[in-house]
Protein backbone atom coordinates (compact mmCIF):
# COMPACT_ATOMS: atom_id res chain seq x y z
CA UNK A 1 0.00 0.00 0.00
CA UNK A 2 1.36 3.40 -0.93
CA UNK A 3 1.34 5.90 1.92
CA UNK A 4 0.19 9.46 1.36
CA UNK A 5 2.90 12.11 1.29
CA UNK A 6 1.97 13.04 4.84
CA UNK A 7 0.09 11.14 7.53
CA UNK A 8 -1.85 12.35 10.56
CA UNK A 9 -0.53 10.53 13.61
CA UNK A 10 -1.97 10.85 17.11
CA UNK A 11 0.36 9.95 19.93
CA UNK A 12 0.15 9.60 23.67
CA UNK A 13 2.93 10.76 25.98
CA UNK A 14 3.47 10.06 29.65
CA UNK A 15 6.06 10.52 32.40
CA UNK A 16 6.20 9.73 36.10
CA UNK A 17 9.92 9.94 36.92
CA UNK A 18 12.10 12.99 37.42
CA UNK A 19 10.98 16.39 36.14
CA UNK A 20 7.83 15.17 34.41
CA UNK A 21 6.99 18.49 32.71
CA UNK A 22 10.50 18.83 31.32
CA UNK A 23 10.34 15.27 30.02
CA UNK A 24 7.14 16.02 28.10
CA UNK A 25 8.58 19.26 26.72
CA UNK A 26 11.84 17.58 25.69
CA UNK A 27 9.99 14.72 23.98
CA UNK A 28 7.93 17.24 22.00
CA UNK A 29 11.15 18.99 20.93
CA UNK A 30 12.60 15.71 19.64
CA UNK A 31 9.34 14.92 17.84
CA UNK A 32 9.22 18.38 16.22
CA UNK A 33 12.85 18.06 15.09
CA UNK A 34 12.74 14.47 13.88
CA UNK A 35 9.18 13.28 13.22
CA UNK A 36 7.08 16.10 11.84
CA UNK A 37 4.93 19.12 12.52
CA UNK A 38 2.88 19.09 15.74
CA UNK A 39 -0.57 20.44 14.87
CA UNK A 40 -2.40 20.01 18.20
CA UNK A 41 -1.42 19.56 21.85
CA UNK A 42 -3.78 18.52 24.64
CA UNK A 43 -3.75 19.75 28.19
CA UNK A 44 -1.51 17.92 30.64
CA UNK A 45 -3.40 15.45 32.80
CA UNK A 46 -2.19 14.06 36.12
CA UNK A 47 -3.08 10.43 36.57
CA UNK A 48 -2.46 7.51 38.83
CA UNK A 49 -0.39 4.65 37.42
CA UNK A 50 -2.38 2.23 35.27
CA UNK A 51 -1.70 -1.50 35.56
CA UNK A 52 0.88 -1.28 38.34
CA UNK A 53 1.57 0.37 41.71
CA UNK A 54 3.95 3.32 41.99
CA UNK A 55 4.33 6.24 44.37
CA UNK A 56 4.74 8.74 41.54
CA UNK A 57 1.74 10.10 39.60
CA UNK A 58 1.94 10.32 35.81
CA UNK A 59 1.62 13.36 33.63
CA UNK A 60 -0.08 12.39 30.36
CA UNK A 61 -0.97 14.24 27.19
CA UNK A 62 -1.80 13.64 23.55
CA UNK A 63 -0.33 15.34 20.51
CA UNK A 64 -1.36 15.31 16.86
CA UNK A 65 1.26 15.61 14.16
CA UNK A 66 1.80 15.37 10.44
CA UNK A 67 4.67 13.14 9.39
CA UNK A 68 6.23 11.86 6.19
CA UNK A 69 7.82 8.92 8.02
CA UNK A 70 6.45 5.44 7.47
CA UNK A 71 5.15 3.54 10.52
CA UNK A 72 8.15 1.25 11.07
CA UNK A 73 10.59 4.16 10.98
CA UNK A 74 8.28 6.24 13.18
CA UNK A 75 8.08 3.63 15.97
CA UNK A 76 11.86 3.14 15.78
CA UNK A 77 12.26 6.88 16.24
CA UNK A 78 9.95 6.85 19.27
CA UNK A 79 11.97 4.03 20.88
CA UNK A 80 15.16 5.97 20.14
CA UNK A 81 13.76 9.12 21.77
CA UNK A 82 12.71 7.13 24.83
CA UNK A 83 16.21 5.65 25.10
CA UNK A 84 17.97 8.99 24.64
CA UNK A 85 15.79 10.45 27.37
CA UNK A 86 16.81 7.70 29.78
CA UNK A 87 13.97 5.22 29.64
CA UNK A 88 15.11 1.82 30.79
CA UNK A 89 12.94 -1.24 30.31
CA UNK A 90 13.42 -4.08 32.76
CA UNK A 91 11.95 -6.61 30.35
CA UNK A 92 9.22 -9.12 30.91
CA UNK A 93 6.52 -6.86 29.51
CA UNK A 94 5.50 -5.47 32.91
CA UNK A 95 4.30 -1.93 33.40
CA UNK A 96 6.75 0.24 35.32
CA UNK A 97 7.63 3.83 36.12
CA UNK A 98 9.31 5.69 33.29
CA UNK A 99 10.97 8.96 32.37
CA UNK A 100 8.99 9.03 29.13
CA UNK A 101 6.55 6.78 27.32
CA UNK A 102 5.56 7.45 23.71
CA UNK A 103 2.72 5.52 22.08
CA UNK A 104 1.12 5.73 18.66
CA UNK A 105 -2.65 5.83 19.20
CA UNK A 106 -3.94 6.38 15.65
CA UNK A 107 -2.35 6.61 12.18
CA UNK A 108 -4.82 8.31 9.87
CA UNK A 109 -7.71 5.83 9.73
CA UNK A 110 -5.44 2.83 9.22
CA UNK A 111 -5.14 -0.47 11.03
CA UNK A 112 -1.47 -1.47 11.32
CA UNK A 113 -0.17 -4.75 12.69
CA UNK A 114 3.56 -5.43 12.62
CA UNK A 115 6.10 -6.62 15.17
CA UNK A 116 6.34 -3.95 17.87
CA UNK A 117 3.45 -1.85 16.55
CA UNK A 118 -0.32 -2.24 16.73
CA UNK A 119 -2.42 0.71 15.56
CA UNK A 120 -4.89 1.75 16.77
CA UNK A 121 -3.25 1.22 20.14
CA UNK A 122 -4.90 -1.97 21.42
CA UNK A 123 -5.63 -0.61 24.91
CA UNK A 124 -6.54 3.02 24.22
CA UNK A 125 -10.30 2.38 24.61
CA UNK A 126 -9.80 1.14 28.19
CA UNK A 127 -7.56 3.95 29.47
CA UNK A 128 -9.09 7.19 30.72
CA UNK A 129 -5.63 8.78 30.90
CA UNK A 130 -5.52 8.46 27.10
CA UNK A 131 -9.15 9.17 26.27
CA UNK A 132 -9.50 12.43 28.26
CA UNK A 133 -6.67 14.27 26.46
CA UNK A 134 -7.57 12.57 23.16
CA UNK A 135 -11.08 14.02 23.38
CA UNK A 136 -9.55 17.52 23.62
CA UNK A 137 -7.47 17.33 20.44
CA UNK A 138 -9.20 14.78 18.22
CA UNK A 139 -12.88 14.42 19.13
CA UNK A 140 -13.75 13.66 15.50
CA UNK A 141 -11.58 10.55 15.32
CA UNK A 142 -13.44 7.30 14.79
CA UNK A 143 -11.77 4.07 15.84
CA UNK A 144 -11.31 2.19 12.54
CA UNK A 145 -12.03 -1.21 14.13
CA UNK A 146 -14.88 -0.51 16.57
CA UNK A 147 -16.47 2.41 14.72
CA UNK A 148 -16.73 4.33 18.01
CA UNK A 149 -15.90 8.01 18.41
CA UNK A 150 -13.51 9.14 21.12
CA UNK A 151 -16.47 10.45 23.15
CA UNK A 152 -18.23 7.07 22.87
CA UNK A 153 -15.09 5.21 23.91
CA UNK A 154 -14.80 7.48 26.95
CA UNK A 155 -18.48 6.98 27.77
CA UNK A 156 -18.08 3.18 27.68
CA UNK A 157 -14.68 3.12 29.40
CA UNK A 158 -14.82 1.31 32.75
CA UNK A 159 -11.47 2.69 33.96
CA UNK A 160 -12.20 4.53 37.23
CA UNK A 161 -8.66 5.67 37.89
CA UNK A 162 -8.02 9.24 39.02
CA UNK A 163 -7.53 11.43 35.93
CA UNK A 164 -7.54 15.22 36.38
CA UNK A 165 -6.10 18.30 34.74
CA UNK A 166 -2.62 19.02 36.08
CA UNK A 167 -2.22 22.18 38.13
CA UNK A 168 0.53 23.30 35.74
CA UNK A 169 0.25 23.25 31.96
CA UNK A 170 2.81 23.42 29.16
């Protein structure tokens, strides 16, 4: 399949270690420099860890960007940015605290399945910390598999974790 010259990619970002605001800002700088033009930025949301216990709260946000990169190169770039920013994975696939986490939520209206990349993100519909900021910047997006809008996914989401606007914003 031939990709368009530019794709709309919606990504989630999160941090719960160190200077969380600086981590989000730095990740956006890398993305602007290396991935494409950021066209929308959500508010910053403070959230409790999802899927594991940690003392540190997360800061989460969603950005929308236009990129000319293809999906495989894009996810490689995200893993590179995470590594350069100091993210260390302990292995075993367990959730853990992190300096930065970058996830591709949507890629235009495509469904992508390749090693290391599933788009739409397979768990986005069950995570309030993703859906709340996503609703701010991309309310018109329709999940290409379920046919649900972001608002409908949020309405049906059974995640009751604490998700609130952060006192400080970028």
